Amino acid sequence: MSGDARLAMKSGHAGPAATSSRAIEVLDVTGYTDQSVGRQDIIPSQAIEGKNGPDDEAAAARQILQEPRPPSAIIFGNDLMAIGAMTAVVESGLSVPKDVSIVGADDSLFSRYSNPSLTTTRIPRDALGSMAVEALGRMPRTKRCIGIELVVYTQLIVRSSTAPPKDSTV
């Protein structure tokens, strides 16, 4: 990734610290931390929490775009959130992806038909369901719960809502 890359991550109710952490995970998976984008490019004020509906995300996108140096890309916790934000970006007089790249997560049917089509991550729902059933089957029949970590591999689906950031002119 070249140019002036500044990222915002918008997720659900996890809180800003968890949201920043999730943004870094997304960057690691997509390989951006191996390039010019790293932890210093995720501004804490731009890792904000909120609800998961498109109207809430449109409001969050408007807020993020009011920053003195708005992000060149916004990563959302699901596709519906991202699609709501794309509307706000366009209503603000900006272009997706020319001015702001938008990324969702879950590869919903809506992501393929949004305008522009949404870059997203495909989550293997069958594998996720199987892992959940297997984990439940392993739980002891006591009141004490023991957490386990499961890894679900996702696939980045690049569509029309992302582009390299514009070169810095400041």
C-alpha atoms as a PDB file:
ATOM      1  CA  MET A   1       0.000   0.000   0.000  1.00  0.00           C
ATOM      2  CA  SER A   2       1.482   3.338  -0.962  1.00  0.00           C
ATOM      3  CA  GLY A   3       0.535   6.914  -0.303  1.00  0.00           C
ATOM      4  CA  ASP A   4      -0.939   8.456   2.819  1.00  0.00           C
ATOM      5  CA  ALA A   5      -2.719   5.480   4.406  1.00  0.00           C
ATOM      6  CA  ARG A   6      -4.832   6.351   7.455  1.00  0.00           C
ATOM      7  CA  LEU A   7      -7.247   3.770   8.800  1.00  0.00           C
ATOM      8  CA  ALA A   8     -10.396   3.767  10.880  1.00  0.00           C
ATOM      9  CA  MET A   9     -12.006   0.606  12.245  1.00  0.00           C
ATOM     10  CA  LYS A  10     -15.700   0.572  13.118  1.00  0.00           C
ATOM     11  CA  SER A  11     -17.085  -2.441  14.916  1.00  0.00           C
ATOM     12  CA  GLY A  12     -19.954  -3.239  17.250  1.00  0.00           C
ATOM     13  CA  HIS A  13     -20.021  -2.906  21.028  1.00  0.00           C
ATOM     14  CA  ALA A  14     -16.536  -4.243  21.823  1.00  0.00           C
ATOM     15  CA  GLY A  15     -15.017  -0.886  22.804  1.00  0.00           C
ATOM     16  CA  PRO A  16     -12.240   1.245  21.271  1.00  0.00           C
ATOM     17  CA  ALA A  17      -9.327  -0.845  22.620  1.00  0.00           C
ATOM     18  CA  ALA A  18     -10.753  -4.089  21.257  1.00  0.00           C
ATOM     19  CA  THR A  19     -11.650  -2.346  18.008  1.00  0.00           C
ATOM     20  CA  SER A  20      -8.056  -1.117  17.533  1.00  0.00           C
ATOM     21  CA  SER A  21      -6.820  -4.617  18.285  1.00  0.00           C
ATOM     22  CA  ARG A  22      -9.235  -6.079  15.715  1.00  0.00           C
ATOM     23  CA  ALA A  23      -8.095  -3.540  13.123  1.00  0.00           C
ATOM     24  CA  ILE A  24      -4.504  -4.665  13.636  1.00  0.00           C
ATOM     25  CA  GLU A  25      -5.595  -8.304  13.221  1.00  0.00           C
ATOM     26  CA  VAL A  26      -7.322  -7.409   9.942  1.00  0.00           C
ATOM     27  CA  LEU A  27      -4.186  -5.637   8.759  1.00  0.00           C
ATOM     28  CA  ASP A  28      -2.034  -8.625   9.703  1.00  0.00           C
ATOM     29  CA  VAL A  29      -4.299 -11.022   7.802  1.00  0.00           C
ATOM     30  CA  THR A  30      -4.391  -8.857   4.685  1.00  0.00           C
ATOM     31  CA  GLY A  31      -0.641  -8.245   4.789  1.00  0.00           C
ATOM     32  CA  TYR A  32      -0.813  -4.476   5.187  1.00  0.00           C
ATOM     33  CA  THR A  33       1.407  -4.461   8.285  1.00  0.00           C
ATOM     34  CA  ASP A  34       4.165  -5.888   6.091  1.00  0.00           C
ATOM     35  CA  GLN A  35       3.847  -2.813   3.903  1.00  0.00           C
ATOM     36  CA  SER A  36       3.540   0.868   4.813  1.00  0.00           C
ATOM     37  CA  VAL A  37       0.539   0.572   7.160  1.00  0.00           C
ATOM     38  CA  GLY A  38       1.057  -0.291  10.797  1.00  0.00           C
ATOM     39  CA  ARG A  39      -0.174   0.313  14.300  1.00  0.00           C
ATOM     40  CA  GLN A  40       0.788   3.991  14.133  1.00  0.00           C
ATOM     41  CA  ASP A  41      -1.694   4.473  11.277  1.00  0.00           C
ATOM     42  CA  ILE A  42      -4.729   3.474  13.370  1.00  0.00           C
ATOM     43  CA  ILE A  43      -5.691   6.566  15.296  1.00  0.00           C
ATOM     44  CA  PRO A  44      -7.439   5.673  18.587  1.00  0.00           C
ATOM     45  CA  SER A  45     -10.158   8.295  18.070  1.00  0.00           C
ATOM     46  CA  GLN A  46     -10.940   6.639  14.768  1.00  0.00           C
ATOM     47  CA  ALA A  47     -11.463   3.210  16.344  1.00  0.00           C
ATOM     48  CA  ILE A  48     -14.948   3.862  17.644  1.00  0.00           C
ATOM     49  CA  GLU A  49     -17.643   1.546  18.859  1.00  0.00           C
ATOM     50  CA  GLY A  50     -21.343   1.642  18.226  1.00  0.00           C
ATOM     51  CA  LYS A  51     -24.395  -0.212  17.029  1.00  0.00           C
ATOM     52  CA  ASN A  52     -24.421  -2.449  13.984  1.00  0.00           C
ATOM     53  CA  GLY A  53     -27.180  -0.948  11.828  1.00  0.00           C
ATOM     54  CA  PRO A  54     -26.658   0.937   8.577  1.00  0.00           C
ATOM     55  CA  ASP A  55     -28.147   4.179   9.932  1.00  0.00           C
ATOM     56  CA  ASP A  56     -25.794   4.126  12.926  1.00  0.00           C
ATOM     57  CA  GLU A  57     -22.846   3.398  10.662  1.00  0.00           C
ATOM     58  CA  ALA A  58     -23.765   6.250   8.334  1.00  0.00           C
ATOM     59  CA  ALA A  59     -23.697   8.560  11.378  1.00  0.00           C
ATOM     60  CA  ALA A  60     -20.367   7.065  12.512  1.00  0.00           C
ATOM     61  CA  ALA A  61     -18.884   7.554   9.044  1.00  0.00           C
ATOM     62  CA  ARG A  62     -19.976  11.208   9.052  1.00  0.00           C
ATOM     63  CA  GLN A  63     -18.262  11.615  12.433  1.00  0.00           C
ATOM     64  CA  ILE A  64     -15.059   9.913  11.244  1.00  0.00           C
ATOM     65  CA  LEU A  65     -14.985  12.047   8.078  1.00  0.00           C
ATOM     66  CA  GLN A  66     -15.083  15.230  10.204  1.00  0.00           C
ATOM     67  CA  GLU A  67     -11.627  14.450  11.637  1.00  0.00           C
ATOM     68  CA  PRO A  68      -8.922  16.990  10.709  1.00  0.00           C
ATOM     69  CA  ARG A  69      -7.178  14.240   8.732  1.00  0.00           C
ATOM     70  CA  PRO A  70      -9.905  11.756   7.799  1.00  0.00           C
ATOM     71  CA  PRO A  71      -8.968   8.160   7.048  1.00  0.00           C
ATOM     72  CA  SER A  72      -8.223   6.856   3.587  1.00  0.00           C
ATOM     73  CA  ALA A  73      -9.914   3.563   4.531  1.00  0.00           C
ATOM     74  CA  ILE A  74     -12.583   2.438   7.007  1.00  0.00           C
ATOM     75  CA  ILE A  75     -12.932  -1.209   8.028  1.00  0.00           C
ATOM     76  CA  PHE A  76     -16.330  -2.348   9.347  1.00  0.00           C
ATOM     77  CA  GLY A  77     -17.366  -5.322  11.467  1.00  0.00           C
ATOM     78  CA  ASN A  78     -19.917  -6.508   8.904  1.00  0.00           C
ATOM     79  CA  ASP A  79     -21.145  -5.738   5.397  1.00  0.00           C
ATOM     80  CA  LEU A  80     -24.382  -4.039   6.394  1.00  0.00           C
ATOM     81  CA  MET A  81     -22.421  -1.565   8.521  1.00  0.00           C
ATOM     82  CA  ALA A  82     -20.084  -0.846   5.595  1.00  0.00           C
ATOM     83  CA  ILE A  83     -22.918  -0.336   3.112  1.00  0.00           C
ATOM     84  CA  GLY A  84     -24.579   2.171   5.453  1.00  0.00           C
ATOM     85  CA  ALA A  85     -21.303   4.062   5.682  1.00  0.00           C
ATOM     86  CA  MET A  86     -20.813   4.111   1.912  1.00  0.00           C
ATOM     87  CA  THR A  87     -24.040   6.085   1.629  1.00  0.00           C
ATOM     88  CA  ALA A  88     -22.747   8.675   4.089  1.00  0.00           C
ATOM     89  CA  VAL A  89     -19.410   8.974   2.274  1.00  0.00           C
ATOM     90  CA  VAL A  90     -21.182   9.708  -1.020  1.00  0.00           C
ATOM     91  CA  GLU A  91     -23.619  12.125   0.676  1.00  0.00           C
ATOM     92  CA  SER A  92     -20.545  13.954   2.044  1.00  0.00           C
ATOM     93  CA  GLY A  93     -19.429  14.646  -1.518  1.00  0.00           C
ATOM     94  CA  LEU A  94     -16.647  12.058  -1.456  1.00  0.00           C
ATOM     95  CA  SER A  95     -16.086   9.047  -3.648  1.00  0.00           C
ATOM     96  CA  VAL A  96     -15.771   5.376  -2.701  1.00  0.00           C
ATOM     97  CA  PRO A  97     -13.035   4.255  -3.335  1.00  0.00           C
ATOM     98  CA  LYS A  98     -11.305   7.311  -4.840  1.00  0.00           C
ATOM     99  CA  ASP A  99     -11.376   9.280  -1.566  1.00  0.00           C
ATOM    100  CA  VAL A 100     -12.207   6.616   1.024  1.00  0.00           C
ATOM    101  CA  SER A 101     -11.934   2.831   0.740  1.00  0.00           C
ATOM    102  CA  ILE A 102     -14.592   0.813   2.562  1.00  0.00           C
ATOM    103  CA  VAL A 103     -14.206  -2.812   3.734  1.00  0.00           C
ATOM    104  CA  GLY A 104     -16.881  -5.019   5.292  1.00  0.00           C
ATOM    105  CA  ALA A 105     -16.864  -8.505   6.774  1.00  0.00           C
ATOM    106  CA  ASP A 106     -19.010 -11.580   6.116  1.00  0.00           C
ATOM    107  CA  ASP A 107     -19.464 -11.508   2.312  1.00  0.00           C
ATOM    108  CA  SER A 108     -23.229 -11.106   2.484  1.00  0.00           C
ATOM    109  CA  LEU A 109     -25.333 -11.130  -0.661  1.00  0.00           C
ATOM    110  CA  PHE A 110     -25.700  -7.341  -0.280  1.00  0.00           C
ATOM    111  CA  SER A 111     -21.948  -6.833  -0.653  1.00  0.00           C
ATOM    112  CA  ARG A 112     -21.995  -8.075  -4.242  1.00  0.00           C
ATOM    113  CA  TYR A 113     -24.855  -5.796  -5.259  1.00  0.00           C
ATOM    114  CA  SER A 114     -23.918  -2.569  -3.472  1.00  0.00           C
ATOM    115  CA  ASN A 115     -22.622   0.289  -5.584  1.00  0.00           C
ATOM    116  CA  PRO A 116     -19.686   0.082  -5.690  1.00  0.00           C
ATOM    117  CA  SER A 117     -19.494  -3.615  -4.871  1.00  0.00           C
ATOM    118  CA  LEU A 118     -18.050  -4.085  -1.398  1.00  0.00           C
ATOM    119  CA  THR A 119     -14.626  -5.490  -0.582  1.00  0.00           C
ATOM    120  CA  THR A 120     -15.181  -7.896   2.302  1.00  0.00           C
ATOM    121  CA  THR A 121     -13.958 -11.000   4.074  1.00  0.00           C
ATOM    122  CA  ARG A 122     -15.636 -14.340   3.438  1.00  0.00           C
ATOM    123  CA  ILE A 123     -16.263 -16.255   6.637  1.00  0.00           C
ATOM    124  CA  PRO A 124     -16.713 -20.020   6.152  1.00  0.00           C
ATOM    125  CA  ARG A 125     -20.044 -20.379   7.963  1.00  0.00           C
ATOM    126  CA  ASP A 126     -20.160 -24.181   7.648  1.00  0.00           C
ATOM    127  CA  ALA A 127     -16.740 -24.525   9.265  1.00  0.00           C
ATOM    128  CA  LEU A 128     -17.688 -22.014  11.951  1.00  0.00           C
ATOM    129  CA  GLY A 129     -20.864 -23.950  12.759  1.00  0.00           C
ATOM    130  CA  SER A 130     -19.031 -27.281  12.873  1.00  0.00           C
ATOM    131  CA  MET A 131     -16.392 -25.857  15.196  1.00  0.00           C
ATOM    132  CA  ALA A 132     -19.079 -24.463  17.505  1.00  0.00           C
ATOM    133  CA  VAL A 133     -20.898 -27.806  17.710  1.00  0.00           C
ATOM    134  CA  GLU A 134     -17.622 -29.630  18.346  1.00  0.00           C
ATOM    135  CA  ALA A 135     -16.655 -27.164  21.080  1.00  0.00           C
ATOM    136  CA  LEU A 136     -20.047 -27.539  22.753  1.00  0.00           C
ATOM    137  CA  GLY A 137     -19.660 -31.326  22.645  1.00  0.00           C
ATOM    138  CA  ARG A 138     -16.335 -31.055  24.482  1.00  0.00           C
ATOM    139  CA  MET A 139     -17.713 -28.932  27.296  1.00  0.00           C
ATOM    140  CA  PRO A 140     -17.716 -30.737  30.604  1.00  0.00           C
ATOM    141  CA  ARG A 141     -21.080 -31.335  32.162  1.00  0.00           C
ATOM    142  CA  THR A 142     -20.235 -29.103  35.101  1.00  0.00           C
ATOM    143  CA  LYS A 143     -21.061 -25.506  35.841  1.00  0.00           C
ATOM    144  CA  ARG A 144     -17.444 -24.491  35.300  1.00  0.00           C
ATOM    145  CA  CYS A 145     -16.715 -23.229  31.796  1.00  0.00           C
ATOM    146  CA  ILE A 146     -13.255 -23.349  30.302  1.00  0.00           C
ATOM    147  CA  GLY A 147     -12.561 -21.168  27.288  1.00  0.00           C
ATOM    148  CA  ILE A 148     -10.798 -22.442  24.206  1.00  0.00           C
ATOM    149  CA  GLU A 149      -9.393 -20.600  21.226  1.00  0.00           C
ATOM    150  CA  LEU A 150     -10.580 -21.599  17.776  1.00  0.00           C
ATOM    151  CA  VAL A 151      -9.155 -20.278  14.513  1.00  0.00           C
ATOM    152  CA  VAL A 152     -11.390 -19.713  11.517  1.00  0.00           C
ATOM    153  CA  TYR A 153      -9.573 -18.817   8.328  1.00  0.00           C
ATOM    154  CA  THR A 154     -11.243 -16.124   6.253  1.00  0.00           C
ATOM    155  CA  GLN A 155     -10.730 -15.044   2.662  1.00  0.00           C
ATOM    156  CA  LEU A 156     -10.367 -11.442   1.525  1.00  0.00           C
ATOM    157  CA  ILE A 157     -12.729 -10.742  -1.383  1.00  0.00           C
ATOM    158  CA  VAL A 158     -11.486  -7.652  -3.209  1.00  0.00           C
ATOM    159  CA  ARG A 159     -14.183  -5.772  -5.086  1.00  0.00           C
ATOM    160  CA  SER A 160     -14.713  -2.169  -6.182  1.00  0.00           C
ATOM    161  CA  SER A 161     -14.938  -0.351  -2.820  1.00  0.00           C
ATOM    162  CA  THR A 162     -11.170  -0.270  -2.233  1.00  0.00           C
ATOM    163  CA  ALA A 163      -8.254   1.403  -3.950  1.00  0.00           C
ATOM    164  CA  PRO A 164      -4.740   2.442  -2.964  1.00  0.00           C
ATOM    165  CA  PRO A 165      -4.741   5.669  -0.930  1.00  0.00           C
ATOM    166  CA  LYS A 166      -4.049   8.927  -2.687  1.00  0.00           C
ATOM    167  CA  ASP A 167      -0.510  10.183  -2.359  1.00  0.00           C
ATOM    168  CA  SER A 168      -0.045  12.632   0.471  1.00  0.00           C
ATOM    169  CA  THR A 169      -0.228  16.251  -0.594  1.00  0.00           C
ATOM    170  CA  VAL A 170       0.369  17.757   2.856  1.00  0.00           C
END
